Amino acid sequence: MLIGYVLLFITKVAMPVTDDIYPTLSACEEAAIEYKKSYPLAVLVCGEVYE
């Protein structure tokens, strides 16, 4: 069962940016846009979190 989305920073492995779980993909993508303002070179993706 899908419980939400997390914002992941991609290097050689995927690491969570925060402990937040976003309820929708669009909310996660908005958080990524805000984070990219401070860290423009960061490679960020939203990943699904399952129970």
Protein backbone atom coordinates (compact mmCIF):
# COMPACT_ATOMS: atom_id res chain seq x y z
CA MET A 1 0.00 0.00 0.00
CA LEU A 2 1.43 3.39 -1.05
CA ILE A 3 1.69 5.81 1.88
CA GLY A 4 3.39 8.76 0.16
CA TYR A 5 6.52 10.09 -1.48
CA VAL A 6 9.97 11.08 -0.23
CA LEU A 7 12.45 13.47 -1.77
CA LEU A 8 15.69 11.66 -2.63
CA PHE A 9 19.15 13.06 -3.39
CA ILE A 10 20.86 10.93 -6.03
CA THR A 11 24.60 10.24 -5.86
CA LYS A 12 25.95 6.71 -6.18
CA VAL A 13 23.03 5.74 -3.95
CA ALA A 14 19.69 7.40 -3.23
CA MET A 15 19.58 9.22 0.10
CA PRO A 16 16.55 10.94 1.61
CA VAL A 17 16.82 14.72 1.78
CA THR A 18 14.49 15.02 4.80
CA ASP A 19 12.39 12.75 7.00
CA ASP A 20 9.19 14.18 5.49
CA ILE A 21 6.73 11.96 3.64
CA TYR A 22 4.64 13.92 1.15
CA PRO A 23 1.05 12.78 0.56
CA THR A 24 1.11 13.38 -3.21
CA LEU A 25 3.67 13.32 -5.99
CA SER A 26 2.96 16.96 -6.81
CA ALA A 27 3.67 18.00 -3.21
CA CYS A 28 7.01 16.16 -3.38
CA GLU A 29 7.87 17.80 -6.70
CA GLU A 30 7.07 21.24 -5.25
CA ALA A 31 9.45 20.52 -2.36
CA ALA A 32 12.12 19.52 -4.88
CA ILE A 33 11.69 22.82 -6.72
CA GLU A 34 12.13 24.76 -3.45
CA TYR A 35 15.19 22.71 -2.47
CA LYS A 36 16.75 23.25 -5.92
CA LYS A 37 16.66 27.01 -5.33
CA SER A 38 19.29 26.55 -2.60
CA TYR A 39 21.16 23.66 -4.24
CA PRO A 40 20.83 24.07 -8.02
CA LEU A 41 23.27 21.26 -8.93
CA ALA A 42 21.56 18.64 -6.75
CA VAL A 43 19.94 15.72 -8.58
CA LEU A 44 16.60 15.13 -6.85
CA VAL A 45 13.82 12.64 -7.48
CA CYS A 46 10.62 11.72 -5.69
CA GLY A 47 10.38 8.10 -4.64
CA GLU A 48 7.37 6.08 -3.57
CA VAL A 49 7.08 4.85 0.03
CA TYR A 50 5.16 1.65 0.69
CA GLU A 51 3.87 0.27 3.95
